[in-house]
Amino acid sequence: MPNELFERRDRDVLIVVDVQYDFLPGGSLAVPDGDAVIGSINRLGQLFPHIVLTQDWHPSGHASFASSHPERDPFDTIDLPYGRQVLWPDHCVQGTRGAEIAGELDVRAELIIRKGYNPRIDSYSGFMEADRATRTGLAGYLVERGFRRVYCVGLATDFCVAWTAQDACRLGFETFVIEDATRGIDQGGSMAKALADMRTAGVGLLTMADVIGSPGDARRTS
């Protein structure tokens, strides 16, 4: 890789969302074909000098787990104090293998943001918890480092990737999702909604070819 291409991304950051064993095949909340993102992300890791990882990091008995609500099943929805919540199978419990960032991921991360550790509040976005008030500190870090443009990849497209990208855009970063470096759950039409919501928020949707073919010169797509 020519050094000049690497240097042209000095104000860009690649955010790798939740590539953890519980979201990969065999995990408790496996995203279909989720392991397919790893090769693409590793390739992008050779192009981006600045990389941040997010990591779901739930305590046992988290409010978003179906097991915490008697007579409820995974993928039911309930009202919690901060709004509607999908109930998930137990996943990414602190200290378990399922919560580990996949060892097959070969990138040089400068920061790992852990989220979802408040037992009462879920957290899809790498920037803000689901109460839409509690910030993770990621935005402050990016501002302090002088980053201007954010590229999001990882799992799952229609939840944590989409929420992270929309928050990045709302916080003033030029934001892109590299679609073929993500995979979605597509639960109850969630994929179509996420794509529409991202476009409305101003998130650019790109492919690997867009990014690798013209680094530093990507444009928003409609």
Protein backbone atom coordinates (compact mmCIF):
# COMPACT_ATOMS: atom_id res chain seq x y z
CA MET A 1 0.00 0.00 0.00
CA PRO A 2 1.53 3.34 -0.99
CA ASN A 3 2.27 5.50 2.04
CA GLU A 4 0.52 8.49 0.46
CA LEU A 5 -2.82 6.67 0.49
CA PHE A 6 -2.39 5.91 4.18
CA GLU A 7 -1.48 9.53 4.93
CA ARG A 8 -4.46 10.90 3.01
CA ARG A 9 -6.72 9.33 5.64
CA ASP A 10 -5.06 11.10 8.55
CA ARG A 11 -8.30 12.90 9.54
CA ASP A 12 -10.49 9.83 8.92
CA VAL A 13 -11.39 7.16 11.45
CA LEU A 14 -12.70 3.64 10.87
CA ILE A 15 -15.19 2.58 13.56
CA VAL A 16 -15.45 -1.21 13.79
CA VAL A 17 -18.71 -2.00 15.55
CA ASP A 18 -19.17 -5.06 17.80
CA VAL A 19 -17.25 -7.77 15.93
CA GLN A 20 -17.59 -10.13 18.91
CA TYR A 21 -18.02 -13.88 19.14
CA ASP A 22 -21.65 -13.75 20.29
CA PHE A 23 -22.53 -11.98 17.02
CA LEU A 24 -20.63 -14.47 14.84
CA PRO A 25 -21.80 -17.94 13.74
CA GLY A 26 -22.26 -20.13 16.82
CA GLY A 27 -22.81 -17.14 19.11
CA SER A 28 -25.90 -16.55 21.20
CA LEU A 29 -27.07 -13.69 18.96
CA ALA A 30 -25.38 -14.64 15.71
CA VAL A 31 -25.79 -12.27 12.77
CA PRO A 32 -26.35 -14.28 9.56
CA ASP A 33 -23.07 -14.45 7.63
CA GLY A 34 -21.54 -12.20 10.28
CA ASP A 35 -18.06 -13.66 9.95
CA ALA A 36 -17.96 -12.48 6.33
CA VAL A 37 -17.15 -8.95 7.50
CA ILE A 38 -13.82 -9.92 9.03
CA GLY A 39 -11.83 -10.22 5.81
CA SER A 40 -13.16 -6.89 4.54
CA ILE A 41 -12.42 -5.14 7.82
CA ASN A 42 -8.89 -6.55 7.91
CA ARG A 43 -8.35 -5.19 4.41
CA LEU A 44 -9.65 -1.77 5.45
CA GLY A 45 -7.35 -1.92 8.45
CA GLN A 46 -4.42 -1.68 6.06
CA LEU A 47 -5.86 1.51 4.59
CA PHE A 48 -6.93 3.45 7.70
CA PRO A 49 -4.27 4.66 10.13
CA HIS A 50 -6.88 5.39 12.81
CA ILE A 51 -9.28 2.72 14.04
CA VAL A 52 -11.72 2.56 16.96
CA LEU A 53 -13.52 -0.58 18.12
CA THR A 54 -16.82 -0.74 19.98
CA GLN A 55 -17.63 -3.63 22.29
CA ASP A 56 -20.95 -4.68 23.81
CA TRP A 57 -20.20 -5.29 27.49
CA HIS A 58 -23.33 -6.30 29.37
CA PRO A 59 -23.59 -7.37 33.01
CA SER A 60 -25.56 -10.51 33.81
CA GLY A 61 -29.27 -9.81 34.12
CA HIS A 62 -29.18 -6.80 31.80
CA ALA A 63 -32.57 -5.14 31.23
CA SER A 64 -32.37 -5.85 27.48
CA PHE A 65 -32.18 -9.63 28.02
CA ALA A 66 -35.39 -11.60 27.59
CA SER A 67 -34.26 -13.78 30.49
CA SER A 68 -34.63 -10.75 32.79
CA HIS A 69 -38.37 -10.55 32.06
CA PRO A 70 -40.50 -13.55 33.11
CA GLU A 71 -43.00 -14.70 30.50
CA ARG A 72 -41.20 -12.79 27.74
CA ASP A 73 -39.32 -14.32 24.81
CA PRO A 74 -36.33 -13.17 22.77
CA PHE A 75 -37.29 -10.57 20.14
CA ASP A 76 -40.39 -9.47 22.04
CA THR A 77 -40.57 -5.72 22.60
CA ILE A 78 -41.42 -4.00 25.87
CA ASP A 79 -41.50 -0.47 27.24
CA LEU A 80 -38.62 0.50 29.51
CA PRO A 81 -38.24 3.93 31.14
CA TYR A 82 -36.28 5.21 28.12
CA GLY A 83 -38.63 3.80 25.46
CA ARG A 84 -39.31 0.68 23.39
CA GLN A 85 -36.78 -2.11 23.80
CA VAL A 86 -36.26 -5.30 21.81
CA LEU A 87 -35.53 -8.17 24.20
CA TRP A 88 -32.47 -10.14 23.16
CA PRO A 89 -31.00 -13.52 24.08
CA ASP A 90 -28.31 -13.12 26.72
CA HIS A 91 -25.22 -11.96 24.83
CA CYS A 92 -21.85 -10.30 25.29
CA VAL A 93 -21.88 -10.84 29.05
CA GLN A 94 -18.82 -9.32 30.67
CA GLY A 95 -15.90 -11.71 30.96
CA THR A 96 -17.35 -14.42 28.71
CA ARG A 97 -15.91 -15.64 25.43
CA GLY A 98 -19.01 -14.33 23.66
CA ALA A 99 -18.11 -10.79 24.70
CA GLU A 100 -14.58 -11.03 23.33
CA ILE A 101 -13.63 -9.13 20.21
CA ALA A 102 -13.00 -11.76 17.54
CA GLY A 103 -9.40 -12.86 17.49
CA GLU A 104 -9.57 -13.17 13.70
CA LEU A 105 -9.90 -9.39 13.49
CA ASP A 106 -6.45 -8.08 12.53
CA VAL A 107 -6.51 -4.30 12.95
CA ARG A 108 -4.47 -1.78 14.94
CA ALA A 109 -7.12 -0.17 17.14
CA GLU A 110 -6.27 3.00 19.05
CA LEU A 111 -9.34 2.87 21.30
CA ILE A 112 -11.97 0.37 22.46
CA ILE A 113 -15.29 1.86 23.58
CA ARG A 114 -17.33 -0.44 25.81
CA LYS A 115 -21.08 0.09 25.87
CA GLY A 116 -24.18 -1.45 27.40
CA TYR A 117 -22.61 -1.91 30.82
CA ASN A 118 -25.36 0.03 32.60
CA PRO A 119 -27.68 -2.81 33.73
CA ARG A 120 -30.81 -0.69 33.18
CA ILE A 121 -30.09 0.83 29.74
CA ASP A 122 -29.22 -0.78 26.42
CA SER A 123 -26.69 0.81 24.10
CA TYR A 124 -26.63 0.22 20.35
CA SER A 125 -24.70 3.33 19.36
CA GLY A 126 -21.00 3.73 20.03
CA PHE A 127 -21.72 7.38 20.88
CA MET A 128 -24.81 7.38 23.07
CA GLU A 129 -26.86 4.94 25.13
CA ALA A 130 -30.46 4.12 24.30
CA ASP A 131 -31.79 6.73 26.73
CA ARG A 132 -30.42 9.23 24.16
CA ALA A 133 -28.88 11.25 26.98
CA THR A 134 -25.89 9.30 28.29
CA ARG A 135 -22.79 9.71 26.12
CA THR A 136 -19.96 7.19 25.91
CA GLY A 137 -17.19 9.76 25.40
CA LEU A 138 -16.45 8.66 21.83
CA ALA A 139 -17.47 11.99 20.30
CA GLY A 140 -15.17 13.90 22.63
CA TYR A 141 -12.29 11.60 21.77
CA LEU A 142 -12.80 12.08 18.03
CA VAL A 143 -13.04 15.85 18.39
CA GLU A 144 -9.91 16.01 20.56
CA ARG A 145 -8.02 13.94 17.98
CA GLY A 146 -9.17 16.21 15.17
CA PHE A 147 -11.03 13.56 13.16
CA ARG A 148 -13.53 14.91 10.65
CA ARG A 149 -14.79 11.89 8.76
CA VAL A 150 -16.13 8.58 10.10
CA TYR A 151 -16.50 5.24 8.32
CA CYS A 152 -18.58 2.57 10.09
CA VAL A 153 -18.36 -1.19 9.57
CA GLY A 154 -19.20 -4.32 11.59
CA LEU A 155 -22.30 -5.81 13.22
CA ALA A 156 -25.17 -5.51 12.96
CA THR A 157 -26.05 -3.14 10.12
CA ASP A 158 -29.60 -2.52 11.27
CA PHE A 159 -28.89 -1.94 14.93
CA CYS A 160 -25.50 -0.99 16.33
CA VAL A 161 -23.90 0.07 13.03
CA ALA A 162 -26.89 2.18 11.98
CA TRP A 163 -27.29 3.85 15.37
CA THR A 164 -23.57 4.59 15.55
CA ALA A 165 -23.52 6.09 12.06
CA GLN A 166 -26.61 8.24 12.61
CA ASP A 167 -25.21 9.61 15.86
CA ALA A 168 -21.88 10.38 14.20
CA CYS A 169 -23.70 12.33 11.51
CA ARG A 170 -25.85 14.23 14.00
CA LEU A 171 -22.74 15.13 15.99
CA GLY A 172 -21.24 16.83 12.97
CA PHE A 173 -18.95 14.19 11.46
CA GLU A 174 -19.08 13.43 7.76
CA THR A 175 -20.23 9.83 8.02
CA PHE A 176 -20.26 6.76 5.81
CA VAL A 177 -21.26 3.12 6.21
CA ILE A 178 -19.38 0.60 4.07
CA GLU A 179 -22.30 -1.72 3.43
CA ASP A 180 -20.44 -4.82 2.28
CA ALA A 181 -18.28 -4.67 5.41
CA THR A 182 -21.45 -5.02 7.53
CA ARG A 183 -24.16 -7.64 7.95
CA GLY A 184 -27.64 -7.26 9.43
CA ILE A 185 -30.12 -9.20 11.53
CA ASP A 186 -33.14 -7.97 9.53
CA GLN A 187 -35.62 -8.60 12.31
CA GLY A 188 -39.16 -7.37 11.54
CA GLY A 189 -38.09 -5.20 8.62
CA SER A 190 -35.28 -3.61 10.58
CA MET A 191 -32.83 -3.58 7.67
CA ALA A 192 -35.02 -1.52 5.33
CA LYS A 193 -35.82 0.88 8.16
CA ALA A 194 -32.17 1.27 9.12
CA LEU A 195 -31.10 2.04 5.54
CA ALA A 196 -33.88 4.60 5.17
CA ASP A 197 -33.08 6.19 8.54
CA MET A 198 -29.38 6.45 7.69
CA ARG A 199 -30.10 8.13 4.35
CA THR A 200 -32.47 10.57 6.05
CA ALA A 201 -29.81 11.39 8.65
CA GLY A 202 -27.29 12.12 5.88
CA VAL A 203 -25.14 9.02 6.20
CA GLY A 204 -23.40 8.02 2.97
CA LEU A 205 -23.70 4.38 1.93
CA LEU A 206 -20.60 3.04 0.20
CA THR A 207 -19.06 -0.23 -0.92
CA MET A 208 -15.56 -1.58 -0.43
CA ALA A 209 -14.83 -0.71 -4.06
CA ASP A 210 -15.80 2.93 -3.43
CA VAL A 211 -13.40 3.21 -0.53
CA ILE A 212 -10.45 1.26 -1.84
CA GLY A 213 -10.82 2.58 -5.36
CA SER A 214 -10.71 6.25 -4.39
CA PRO A 215 -9.39 6.68 -0.83
CA GLY A 216 -9.92 10.12 0.60
CA ASP A 217 -12.31 11.06 -2.22
CA ALA A 218 -15.57 9.28 -1.33
CA ARG A 219 -18.86 11.04 -1.95
CA ARG A 220 -22.29 10.52 -0.46
CA THR A 221 -24.65 8.29 -2.38
CA SER A 222 -28.39 8.83 -2.61
